[in-house]
Amino acid sequence: MLLPLVCSLICRESSSVALAISLGISIGAGLMLWRLLPVEEGKLSRREAILLLVGGWTFVSLFGALPFVLSGVLPGFIDALFESVSGFTTTGATVFTSVETQSCGILLWRSITQWLGGMGIITLFVALFPILGIGAAHLVEAEMPGPQSDRLTPRIRDTARAIWLLYAGFSLLEFILLLIAGMPAFDAINVTLTTMPTGGFSITNISIEAYNSPLIEAIVTIFMVIAGVNFGLLYFLVWKRQVRQFFKNTEFRSYLIILAGATLLVAIDLFLNMGMSAGESLRYGIFQVASIMTTTGFSSIDFNLWPVFAKAVILVLMVIGASAGSTGGALKVVRLLILFKYAYHRILLTFNPRMVIPLKFGGNVLPESIISGIMGMSIAYFAIITIGFLVMSAAGLDQVSALSSVLTTLGNVGPGLGTVGPVSNYLMVPPLAKIFLILCMLVGRLELFTVLMLLAPSFWKWR
C-alpha cells in the first residue's frame, strides 16, 4: 500500500488518509501475528500449508478492502471486499460505476492488487523469505494454477524467484512499449500491472477502447497471449534458450490453435453479421478472443452487442481459459486436451474392453493420479457452474447474466454478458449473490480442491 499512498500524497488526494490508516492496520496486524505465532522452520505440513494458503488469501483480501472502505469510495463492506477479491484473484469484475472519477491512489491500489495476485502472493513470500523451509514446496504447489506445478530449479525458493523475475521483466517491457506507443505514463503503469496478471482492471470506463489505438491494442494483445503461456515454458525459452522445447509443447501449440481458430470464427461472424470491414473484424476479434481466453477481461469494444454466435464463442472461451502454469484462470487447455483424450480412450474400450492403451500427453504416459485429479476437478468445476447458475437466477439475474457472472468469476475472467457486460458492473448484484461470487473468485483462483477440501470432515481430523 506504500506506492499508492505516495502517489496519493503527491496528487494531494483525500484518499491518502485512508491508505495510510490501511497501511498502519496491515503492518500492525502482521507484526502481531509474527510475534504471537512463531513458525518452526521446516515443520509446515501439507495440511498446514493449505490452511495457511486459504487463510492468507482470505485475510489479504480483507486487508485489501480497507482502502475502499475507509475512503468511502464504495457504499458498503461487501462491495469493498468484492473489489479487493476481484483484484487479488485477477478476476477484474468491478462494482465501480465510474472508475474515471476515482483518485489516483485508489486506482493504483486496484492495479497493484492484481499484479500481486497474478503470480501468487504466497509464491512471492516464498521467493523473498526462507522462513518456511521445506513447507514452502507445499505452499507453491497449492497456489500455482494447473494440474501439477513444475519445479524449474532444485530449490522451490529459486523456482519462485525465477518465475517472479520473469513476470517482472515482461511487465517492465510492456510498460516501456506502451510509453513508446503514446500512452500516458500513469495509464501505462496501470495497464501493465493488470495485463501480465491477466487481471483486466482499467482506469477508464470503457477499458482499452478509450485509447482507440490499434498499436496499443496490438501491444496489449501480445502480452495477454504471453501471460497465458505456462511460465515454466517461458523460463526455458528466456533463461535456458530452449526454443525447440518451447514450440514442441503440446499444450502451447493447442493454445495457439484455439486462439487462432476462435479469432477466425469471431472475425467471420463480425464481418458477415455486423457489417465490419475485414480489418476491423480481425482487429476486434483477435483482441477480444485473447482477452477472454487468457481471462484478462479487457475490452476494445462492447462485445455484449455482438451477434449471438460470436458471443457463444466468447462464453466457450470463458470455460477453456489459458495454459496451466500461466496467470490465466478457468479450466485450462491441458485439462481440456486430457479430457478429450480420456473420452476417446473410453470409446475405444467400449468395443474392446481388454485393450490396454496408456494415456499419453506430450509423449509421456500420464499417471492415474493426474488423470483422476483432472476428472474430479472438471466434475467439480461444472457442478459449481450449475449451482451458481441457479443461485444467480434466484437472485433475480436473467439467464445470460446469471450464467456469465458465474463463468467469469469462477474462471477469473471479469466482464460477462448481459447486465454484467464489459461496459456494465456488478454493483446491482444483490449482497448475498455478491458473497457467492466472491467465493467463486477465491475457489477459481486457488484451483477448487485447495478450498473445497476444507469442507471434508477428514481434513480436520488431526493425527
Protein backbone atom coordinates (compact mmCIF):
# COMPACT_ATOMS: atom_id res chain seq x y z
CA MET A 1 0.00 0.00 0.00
CA LEU A 2 3.02 2.29 0.23
CA LEU A 3 3.21 3.09 -3.51
CA PRO A 4 -0.45 4.18 -3.86
CA LEU A 5 -0.05 6.17 -0.62
CA VAL A 6 2.94 8.06 -2.06
CA CYS A 7 1.02 8.59 -5.31
CA SER A 8 -1.98 9.92 -3.40
CA LEU A 9 0.20 12.27 -1.33
CA ILE A 10 1.89 13.64 -4.45
CA CYS A 11 -1.52 14.30 -6.02
CA ARG A 12 -2.78 15.75 -2.70
CA GLU A 13 -5.81 13.46 -2.57
CA SER A 14 -8.06 12.81 0.41
CA SER A 15 -7.69 9.06 -0.17
CA SER A 16 -4.15 9.32 1.24
CA VAL A 17 -5.61 9.25 4.78
CA ALA A 18 -7.48 6.00 4.09
CA LEU A 19 -4.38 4.44 2.52
CA ALA A 20 -2.18 5.50 5.44
CA ILE A 21 -4.61 4.06 8.01
CA SER A 22 -4.94 0.83 5.98
CA LEU A 23 -1.16 0.56 5.79
CA GLY A 24 -0.84 1.03 9.53
CA ILE A 25 -3.53 -1.55 10.33
CA SER A 26 -1.96 -4.10 7.97
CA ILE A 27 1.55 -3.66 9.38
CA GLY A 28 0.25 -3.76 12.96
CA ALA A 29 -1.71 -6.97 12.38
CA GLY A 30 1.22 -8.57 10.59
CA LEU A 31 3.69 -7.75 13.37
CA MET A 32 1.27 -9.02 16.00
CA LEU A 33 0.80 -12.35 14.22
CA TRP A 34 4.55 -12.65 13.68
CA ARG A 35 5.24 -12.18 17.38
CA LEU A 36 2.39 -14.31 18.71
CA LEU A 37 2.52 -17.19 16.23
CA PRO A 38 6.17 -18.15 15.57
CA VAL A 39 6.79 -20.66 12.77
CA GLU A 40 9.20 -23.52 13.38
CA GLU A 41 11.28 -23.69 10.22
CA GLY A 42 10.82 -26.78 8.08
CA LYS A 43 7.81 -28.09 10.03
CA LEU A 44 4.97 -26.98 7.74
CA SER A 45 2.88 -29.99 6.70
CA ARG A 46 0.72 -30.17 3.57
CA ARG A 47 -2.44 -29.72 5.67
CA GLU A 48 -0.98 -26.65 7.39
CA ALA A 49 0.17 -25.28 4.04
CA ILE A 50 -3.38 -25.49 2.68
CA LEU A 51 -4.79 -23.77 5.76
CA LEU A 52 -2.13 -21.06 5.54
CA LEU A 53 -2.79 -20.58 1.82
CA VAL A 54 -6.58 -20.24 2.10
CA GLY A 55 -6.29 -18.18 5.29
CA GLY A 56 -3.61 -15.99 3.73
CA TRP A 57 -5.69 -15.20 0.66
CA THR A 58 -8.78 -14.55 2.79
CA PHE A 59 -7.05 -12.12 5.13
CA VAL A 60 -5.11 -10.40 2.36
CA SER A 61 -8.45 -9.77 0.63
CA LEU A 62 -9.93 -8.40 3.88
CA PHE A 63 -6.99 -6.03 4.44
CA GLY A 64 -7.06 -5.13 0.75
CA ALA A 65 -10.63 -3.92 1.15
CA LEU A 66 -9.66 -1.38 3.83
CA PRO A 67 -8.70 1.48 1.45
CA PHE A 68 -12.07 1.17 -0.32
CA VAL A 69 -13.98 1.13 2.98
CA LEU A 70 -12.07 3.90 4.78
CA SER A 71 -12.02 6.24 1.77
CA GLY A 72 -15.78 5.83 1.31
CA VAL A 73 -15.49 5.23 -2.45
CA LEU A 74 -17.75 2.16 -2.17
CA PRO A 75 -21.12 2.08 -0.37
CA GLY A 76 -20.52 -0.95 1.86
CA PHE A 77 -18.03 -3.53 3.11
CA ILE A 78 -19.33 -6.32 0.85
CA ASP A 79 -18.73 -4.13 -2.20
CA ALA A 80 -15.24 -3.26 -0.95
CA LEU A 81 -14.47 -6.93 -0.31
CA PHE A 82 -15.80 -7.83 -3.76
CA GLU A 83 -13.46 -5.29 -5.37
CA SER A 84 -10.50 -6.49 -3.30
CA VAL A 85 -11.08 -10.19 -4.01
CA SER A 86 -11.63 -9.40 -7.68
CA GLY A 87 -8.27 -7.65 -7.68
CA PHE A 88 -6.17 -10.26 -5.88
CA THR A 89 -7.75 -13.16 -7.79
CA THR A 90 -7.16 -11.20 -11.05
CA THR A 91 -10.84 -11.51 -11.95
CA GLY A 92 -11.36 -7.89 -12.92
CA ALA A 93 -15.08 -7.73 -12.13
CA THR A 94 -15.83 -4.34 -10.61
CA VAL A 95 -18.57 -2.69 -8.60
CA PHE A 96 -17.42 0.83 -9.51
CA THR A 97 -19.96 2.64 -11.68
CA SER A 98 -17.22 5.02 -12.83
CA VAL A 99 -13.50 4.42 -12.32
CA GLU A 100 -12.52 7.67 -14.03
CA THR A 101 -13.80 9.69 -11.04
CA GLN A 102 -11.65 7.77 -8.55
CA SER A 103 -8.40 9.11 -7.09
CA CYS A 104 -5.03 8.06 -8.49
CA GLY A 105 -4.12 6.35 -5.22
CA ILE A 106 -7.22 4.15 -5.25
CA LEU A 107 -6.78 3.29 -8.95
CA LEU A 108 -3.13 2.35 -8.42
CA TRP A 109 -4.06 0.21 -5.41
CA ARG A 110 -6.64 -1.69 -7.54
CA SER A 111 -3.98 -2.37 -10.17
CA ILE A 112 -1.33 -3.44 -7.64
CA THR A 113 -3.70 -6.00 -6.09
CA GLN A 114 -3.96 -7.67 -9.48
CA TRP A 115 -0.22 -7.64 -10.15
CA LEU A 116 0.47 -9.21 -6.75
CA GLY A 117 -2.25 -11.81 -7.14
CA GLY A 118 -1.31 -12.77 -10.69
CA MET A 119 1.76 -14.84 -9.86
CA GLY A 120 0.63 -15.51 -6.31
CA ILE A 121 1.09 -13.62 -3.06
CA ILE A 122 2.28 -16.75 -1.25
CA THR A 123 4.73 -17.58 -4.05
CA LEU A 124 6.16 -14.06 -3.71
CA PHE A 125 6.51 -14.59 0.05
CA VAL A 126 8.35 -17.88 -0.56
CA ALA A 127 10.66 -16.15 -3.05
CA LEU A 128 11.60 -13.43 -0.56
CA PHE A 129 11.65 -15.21 2.80
CA PRO A 130 13.21 -18.62 3.59
CA ILE A 131 11.44 -18.95 6.95
CA LEU A 132 9.12 -21.78 5.87
CA GLY A 133 11.86 -24.21 4.83
CA ILE A 134 10.57 -27.42 3.27
CA GLY A 135 6.97 -26.33 3.80
CA ALA A 136 7.41 -23.78 1.01
CA ALA A 137 7.05 -26.55 -1.58
CA HIS A 138 3.56 -27.38 -0.31
CA LEU A 139 2.57 -23.71 -0.50
CA VAL A 140 3.76 -23.14 -4.06
CA GLU A 141 2.25 -26.42 -5.27
CA ALA A 142 -1.12 -25.46 -3.83
CA GLU A 143 -1.09 -21.92 -5.20
CA MET A 144 0.29 -22.37 -8.73
CA PRO A 145 -2.54 -22.92 -11.25
CA GLY A 146 -2.53 -26.21 -13.16
CA PRO A 147 -2.78 -29.98 -12.73
CA GLN A 148 0.75 -30.02 -11.28
CA SER A 149 3.37 -27.36 -10.59
CA ASP A 150 6.76 -27.67 -12.25
CA ARG A 151 9.89 -27.27 -10.17
CA LEU A 152 12.24 -25.44 -12.54
CA THR A 153 15.21 -25.44 -10.15
CA PRO A 154 16.34 -27.85 -7.40
CA ARG A 155 15.08 -25.49 -4.69
CA ILE A 156 11.46 -24.36 -4.68
CA ARG A 157 12.52 -20.91 -3.43
CA ASP A 158 14.75 -20.45 -6.50
CA THR A 159 11.86 -21.57 -8.72
CA ALA A 160 9.54 -18.98 -7.17
CA ARG A 161 12.21 -16.31 -7.53
CA ALA A 162 12.88 -17.17 -11.20
CA ILE A 163 9.18 -17.03 -12.07
CA TRP A 164 8.72 -13.68 -10.33
CA LEU A 165 11.78 -12.19 -12.08
CA LEU A 166 10.38 -13.33 -15.42
CA TYR A 167 6.99 -11.87 -14.52
CA ALA A 168 8.52 -8.52 -13.51
CA GLY A 169 10.71 -8.45 -16.63
CA PHE A 170 7.77 -8.86 -19.00
CA SER A 171 5.87 -6.20 -17.04
CA LEU A 172 8.72 -3.71 -17.44
CA LEU A 173 8.96 -4.44 -21.17
CA GLU A 174 5.23 -3.86 -21.69
CA PHE A 175 5.37 -0.59 -19.76
CA ILE A 176 8.18 0.71 -21.99
CA LEU A 177 6.38 -0.31 -25.19
CA LEU A 178 3.13 1.35 -24.07
CA LEU A 179 5.02 4.58 -23.37
CA ILE A 180 6.56 4.43 -26.85
CA ALA A 181 3.06 3.86 -28.30
CA GLY A 182 1.95 7.17 -26.77
CA MET A 183 0.04 6.06 -23.69
CA PRO A 184 0.33 8.44 -20.68
CA ALA A 185 2.73 7.18 -18.01
CA PHE A 186 0.13 6.67 -15.28
CA ASP A 187 -2.15 4.82 -17.69
CA ALA A 188 0.76 2.68 -18.90
CA ILE A 189 1.64 1.69 -15.32
CA ASN A 190 -1.91 0.61 -14.56
CA VAL A 191 -2.47 -1.21 -17.85
CA THR A 192 0.82 -3.07 -17.38
CA LEU A 193 0.01 -4.02 -13.78
CA THR A 194 -3.29 -5.52 -14.96
CA THR A 195 -2.18 -7.16 -18.23
CA MET A 196 0.56 -9.56 -17.10
CA PRO A 197 -1.57 -10.97 -14.25
CA THR A 198 -4.44 -11.29 -16.77
CA GLY A 199 -6.50 -9.10 -14.45
CA GLY A 200 -8.25 -6.54 -16.63
CA PHE A 201 -8.89 -3.69 -14.18
CA SER A 202 -8.86 -0.46 -16.17
CA ILE A 203 -8.68 3.20 -15.19
CA THR A 204 -11.14 4.16 -17.95
CA ASN A 205 -14.83 3.32 -18.02
CA ILE A 206 -14.61 1.65 -21.44
CA SER A 207 -11.30 -0.13 -20.85
CA ILE A 208 -8.76 -0.21 -23.72
CA GLU A 209 -11.40 1.08 -26.15
CA ALA A 210 -10.83 4.55 -24.64
CA TYR A 211 -7.42 4.85 -26.36
CA ASN A 212 -8.75 3.95 -29.83
CA SER A 213 -5.25 2.89 -30.89
CA PRO A 214 -4.56 -0.26 -32.96
CA LEU A 215 -0.90 -0.09 -31.82
CA ILE A 216 -1.79 -0.07 -28.11
CA GLU A 217 -4.28 -2.89 -28.69
CA ALA A 218 -1.59 -4.91 -30.50
CA ILE A 219 0.92 -4.45 -27.65
CA VAL A 220 -1.64 -5.40 -25.01
CA THR A 221 -2.75 -8.41 -27.10
CA ILE A 222 0.83 -9.70 -27.37
CA PHE A 223 1.39 -9.51 -23.63
CA MET A 224 -2.00 -11.04 -22.84
CA VAL A 225 -1.06 -14.00 -25.04
CA ILE A 226 2.36 -14.23 -23.34
CA ALA A 227 0.73 -14.14 -19.89
CA GLY A 228 -1.50 -17.03 -20.96
CA VAL A 229 1.53 -19.27 -21.63
CA ASN A 230 2.95 -21.63 -18.99
CA PHE A 231 5.66 -19.62 -17.19
CA GLY A 232 7.69 -22.80 -16.90
CA LEU A 233 7.91 -22.86 -20.71
CA LEU A 234 8.77 -19.16 -20.78
CA TYR A 235 11.53 -19.86 -18.26
CA PHE A 236 13.12 -22.46 -20.55
CA LEU A 237 12.77 -20.12 -23.53
CA VAL A 238 14.17 -16.96 -21.90
CA TRP A 239 16.72 -18.33 -19.41
CA LYS A 240 17.70 -21.65 -20.98
CA ARG A 241 17.28 -20.69 -24.66
CA GLN A 242 15.49 -24.00 -25.32
CA VAL A 243 13.46 -22.84 -28.33
CA ARG A 244 12.69 -26.36 -29.57
CA GLN A 245 11.20 -27.45 -26.25
CA PHE A 246 9.05 -24.32 -26.25
CA PHE A 247 7.46 -24.89 -29.65
CA LYS A 248 7.19 -28.67 -29.28
CA ASN A 249 5.00 -28.35 -26.21
CA THR A 250 1.57 -29.87 -26.91
CA GLU A 251 -0.39 -27.51 -24.70
CA PHE A 252 1.30 -24.42 -26.14
CA ARG A 253 0.54 -25.47 -29.72
CA SER A 254 -3.07 -26.26 -28.81
CA TYR A 255 -3.35 -22.92 -27.01
CA LEU A 256 -2.30 -21.06 -30.16
CA ILE A 257 -4.58 -23.17 -32.39
CA ILE A 258 -7.61 -22.44 -30.20
CA LEU A 259 -6.74 -18.72 -30.16
CA ALA A 260 -6.38 -18.62 -33.95
CA GLY A 261 -9.49 -20.72 -34.59
CA ALA A 262 -11.69 -18.70 -32.24
CA THR A 263 -10.39 -15.43 -33.71
CA LEU A 264 -11.23 -16.61 -37.21
CA LEU A 265 -14.76 -17.69 -36.21
CA VAL A 266 -15.48 -14.42 -34.41
CA ALA A 267 -13.98 -12.29 -37.21
CA ILE A 268 -16.09 -14.05 -39.87
CA ASP A 269 -19.25 -13.56 -37.80
CA LEU A 270 -18.47 -9.86 -37.26
CA PHE A 271 -17.73 -9.42 -40.95
CA LEU A 272 -20.93 -11.14 -42.10
CA ASN A 273 -23.43 -10.05 -39.47
CA MET A 274 -22.21 -6.67 -38.14
CA GLY A 275 -21.07 -5.05 -41.34
CA MET A 276 -17.48 -4.57 -40.18
CA SER A 277 -14.63 -4.49 -42.66
CA ALA A 278 -12.21 -7.41 -42.77
CA GLY A 279 -9.58 -5.34 -40.96
CA GLU A 280 -11.95 -4.24 -38.20
CA SER A 281 -13.26 -7.77 -37.75
CA LEU A 282 -9.75 -9.13 -37.25
CA ARG A 283 -8.71 -6.20 -35.04
CA TYR A 284 -11.58 -6.56 -32.59
CA GLY A 285 -11.80 -10.32 -32.93
CA ILE A 286 -8.19 -11.11 -32.02
CA PHE A 287 -8.10 -8.64 -29.13
CA GLN A 288 -11.34 -9.85 -27.55
CA VAL A 289 -10.60 -13.54 -28.09
CA ALA A 290 -7.14 -13.14 -26.50
CA SER A 291 -8.61 -11.09 -23.65
CA ILE A 292 -11.32 -13.62 -22.78
CA MET A 293 -9.33 -16.82 -23.33
CA THR A 294 -6.44 -15.59 -21.20
CA THR A 295 -9.09 -14.43 -18.69
CA THR A 296 -7.74 -10.87 -18.75
CA GLY A 297 -11.08 -9.20 -19.37
CA PHE A 298 -10.00 -6.04 -21.19
CA SER A 299 -12.37 -4.82 -23.89
CA SER A 300 -11.69 -2.84 -27.06
CA ILE A 301 -15.37 -2.88 -28.00
CA ASP A 302 -18.67 -3.67 -26.30
CA PHE A 303 -18.84 -7.37 -27.25
CA ASN A 304 -22.22 -7.54 -25.49
CA LEU A 305 -23.61 -6.09 -28.74
CA TRP A 306 -22.04 -8.76 -30.96
CA PRO A 307 -24.04 -11.37 -32.89
CA VAL A 308 -25.20 -14.46 -31.00
CA PHE A 309 -22.59 -16.81 -32.46
CA ALA A 310 -19.65 -14.53 -31.58
CA LYS A 311 -20.94 -14.23 -28.02
CA ALA A 312 -21.31 -18.02 -27.87
CA VAL A 313 -17.64 -18.38 -28.79
CA ILE A 314 -16.78 -15.92 -26.02
CA LEU A 315 -18.74 -17.99 -23.48
CA VAL A 316 -16.90 -21.18 -24.53
CA LEU A 317 -13.53 -19.43 -24.14
CA MET A 318 -14.52 -18.37 -20.62
CA VAL A 319 -14.64 -22.07 -19.72
CA ILE A 320 -11.47 -23.13 -21.57
CA GLY A 321 -9.09 -20.49 -20.23
CA ALA A 322 -5.33 -20.26 -20.77
CA SER A 323 -2.42 -22.65 -20.16
CA ALA A 324 -1.59 -24.38 -16.90
CA GLY A 325 1.16 -22.54 -15.03
CA SER A 326 0.11 -19.19 -16.52
CA THR A 327 -1.54 -16.29 -14.72
CA GLY A 328 -4.81 -17.11 -16.51
CA GLY A 329 -7.76 -18.84 -14.91
CA ALA A 330 -10.65 -21.14 -15.91
CA LEU A 331 -10.36 -24.87 -16.69
CA LYS A 332 -7.03 -24.66 -18.63
CA VAL A 333 -6.16 -26.00 -22.08
CA VAL A 334 -4.22 -29.00 -20.77
CA ARG A 335 -7.21 -30.29 -18.81
CA LEU A 336 -9.44 -29.93 -21.86
CA LEU A 337 -7.00 -31.91 -24.01
CA ILE A 338 -6.66 -34.69 -21.46
CA LEU A 339 -10.44 -34.88 -21.06
CA PHE A 340 -10.84 -35.36 -24.83
CA LYS A 341 -8.09 -37.98 -24.85
CA TYR A 342 -9.72 -39.80 -21.95
CA ALA A 343 -13.14 -39.75 -23.67
CA TYR A 344 -11.58 -41.14 -26.86
CA HIS A 345 -9.92 -43.94 -24.89
CA ARG A 346 -13.25 -44.84 -23.28
CA ILE A 347 -14.82 -45.06 -26.74
CA LEU A 348 -12.09 -47.49 -27.86
CA LEU A 349 -12.51 -49.58 -24.73
CA THR A 350 -16.26 -49.85 -25.32
CA PHE A 351 -15.83 -52.30 -28.24
CA ASN A 352 -12.55 -53.81 -26.99
CA PRO A 353 -12.56 -53.95 -23.16
CA ARG A 354 -9.32 -55.96 -22.99
CA MET A 355 -7.33 -53.35 -24.90
CA VAL A 356 -4.57 -51.71 -22.84
CA ILE A 357 -3.98 -48.15 -24.03
CA PRO A 358 -1.81 -45.90 -21.87
CA LEU A 359 -2.99 -42.30 -21.83
CA LYS A 360 -0.15 -40.15 -23.13
CA PHE A 361 0.29 -36.41 -23.22
CA GLY A 362 3.28 -34.76 -24.84
CA GLY A 363 4.91 -38.16 -25.32
CA ASN A 364 4.69 -39.06 -21.62
CA VAL A 365 2.35 -41.58 -20.01
CA LEU A 366 0.12 -39.81 -17.51
CA PRO A 367 -0.10 -41.38 -14.04
CA GLU A 368 -3.55 -42.35 -12.79
CA SER A 369 -3.33 -39.71 -10.04
CA ILE A 370 -3.13 -36.90 -12.62
CA ILE A 371 -5.98 -38.30 -14.72
CA SER A 372 -8.30 -38.84 -11.75
CA GLY A 373 -7.41 -35.39 -10.40
CA ILE A 374 -8.36 -33.75 -13.69
CA MET A 375 -11.60 -35.73 -13.89
CA GLY A 376 -12.52 -34.75 -10.35
CA MET A 377 -11.56 -31.12 -10.92
CA SER A 378 -13.68 -30.93 -14.10
CA ILE A 379 -16.72 -32.51 -12.43
CA ALA A 380 -16.45 -30.09 -9.51
CA TYR A 381 -15.95 -27.14 -11.89
CA PHE A 382 -19.11 -27.81 -13.88
CA ALA A 383 -21.06 -28.66 -10.72
CA ILE A 384 -20.21 -25.22 -9.29
CA ILE A 385 -21.25 -23.59 -12.59
CA THR A 386 -24.62 -25.39 -12.41
CA ILE A 387 -25.21 -24.48 -8.76
CA GLY A 388 -24.03 -20.92 -9.37
CA PHE A 389 -26.37 -20.51 -12.34
CA LEU A 390 -29.30 -21.49 -10.13
CA VAL A 391 -28.17 -19.21 -7.29
CA MET A 392 -27.72 -16.17 -9.54
CA SER A 393 -31.04 -16.87 -11.28
CA ALA A 394 -32.73 -16.98 -7.87
CA ALA A 395 -31.07 -13.63 -7.10
CA GLY A 396 -33.02 -12.10 -9.99
CA LEU A 397 -30.48 -12.03 -12.83
CA ASP A 398 -31.62 -13.01 -16.32
CA GLN A 399 -30.33 -16.30 -17.73
CA VAL A 400 -27.46 -14.86 -19.77
CA SER A 401 -26.28 -12.60 -16.94
CA ALA A 402 -26.63 -15.38 -14.37
CA LEU A 403 -24.58 -17.89 -16.37
CA SER A 404 -21.90 -15.46 -17.49
CA SER A 405 -21.48 -13.96 -13.99
CA VAL A 406 -20.63 -17.41 -12.62
CA LEU A 407 -18.38 -18.29 -15.58
CA THR A 408 -16.45 -15.03 -15.32
CA THR A 409 -15.94 -15.12 -11.55
CA LEU A 410 -15.14 -18.83 -11.30
CA GLY A 411 -12.82 -18.52 -14.31
CA ASN A 412 -11.41 -15.17 -13.07
CA VAL A 413 -12.36 -13.52 -16.37
CA GLY A 414 -14.16 -10.37 -15.20
CA PRO A 415 -16.71 -8.92 -17.62
CA GLY A 416 -19.52 -11.17 -18.75
CA LEU A 417 -22.60 -10.75 -20.89
CA GLY A 418 -25.99 -9.16 -20.29
CA THR A 419 -26.20 -6.87 -17.27
CA VAL A 420 -22.61 -7.75 -16.25
CA GLY A 421 -21.17 -6.95 -19.68
CA PRO A 422 -17.93 -5.07 -20.48
CA VAL A 423 -19.43 -1.59 -20.08
CA SER A 424 -21.50 -2.55 -17.02
CA ASN A 425 -20.59 -3.53 -13.46
CA TYR A 426 -21.61 -5.81 -10.60
CA LEU A 427 -22.97 -3.12 -8.27
CA MET A 428 -26.60 -4.07 -8.93
CA VAL A 429 -26.00 -7.72 -7.89
CA PRO A 430 -27.73 -8.40 -4.52
CA PRO A 431 -25.39 -8.64 -1.46
CA LEU A 432 -25.89 -12.39 -0.87
CA ALA A 433 -25.23 -13.09 -4.55
CA LYS A 434 -22.07 -10.96 -4.33
CA ILE A 435 -20.86 -13.12 -1.43
CA PHE A 436 -21.40 -16.22 -3.57
CA LEU A 437 -19.44 -14.64 -6.45
CA ILE A 438 -16.65 -13.71 -4.00
CA LEU A 439 -16.40 -17.39 -3.05
CA CYS A 440 -16.38 -18.32 -6.75
CA MET A 441 -13.44 -15.98 -7.36
CA LEU A 442 -11.42 -17.41 -4.49
CA VAL A 443 -12.25 -21.02 -5.37
CA GLY A 444 -11.41 -20.40 -9.02
CA ARG A 445 -8.07 -18.74 -8.26
CA LEU A 446 -6.98 -21.44 -5.81
CA GLU A 447 -7.92 -24.30 -8.16
CA LEU A 448 -11.09 -25.55 -6.41
CA PHE A 449 -9.72 -28.53 -4.43
CA THR A 450 -7.43 -26.33 -2.34
CA VAL A 451 -10.53 -24.62 -0.94
CA LEU A 452 -13.11 -27.42 -1.25
CA MET A 453 -11.01 -29.88 0.75
CA LEU A 454 -11.64 -27.68 3.80
CA LEU A 455 -15.24 -28.93 3.62
CA ALA A 456 -14.15 -32.56 4.05
CA PRO A 457 -14.51 -33.75 7.69
CA SER A 458 -11.42 -35.94 7.30
CA PHE A 459 -9.30 -32.82 6.67
CA TRP A 460 -9.90 -31.68 10.25
CA LYS A 461 -9.00 -35.00 11.85
CA TRP A 462 -5.52 -34.10 13.02
CA ARG A 463 -3.16 -37.01 13.51
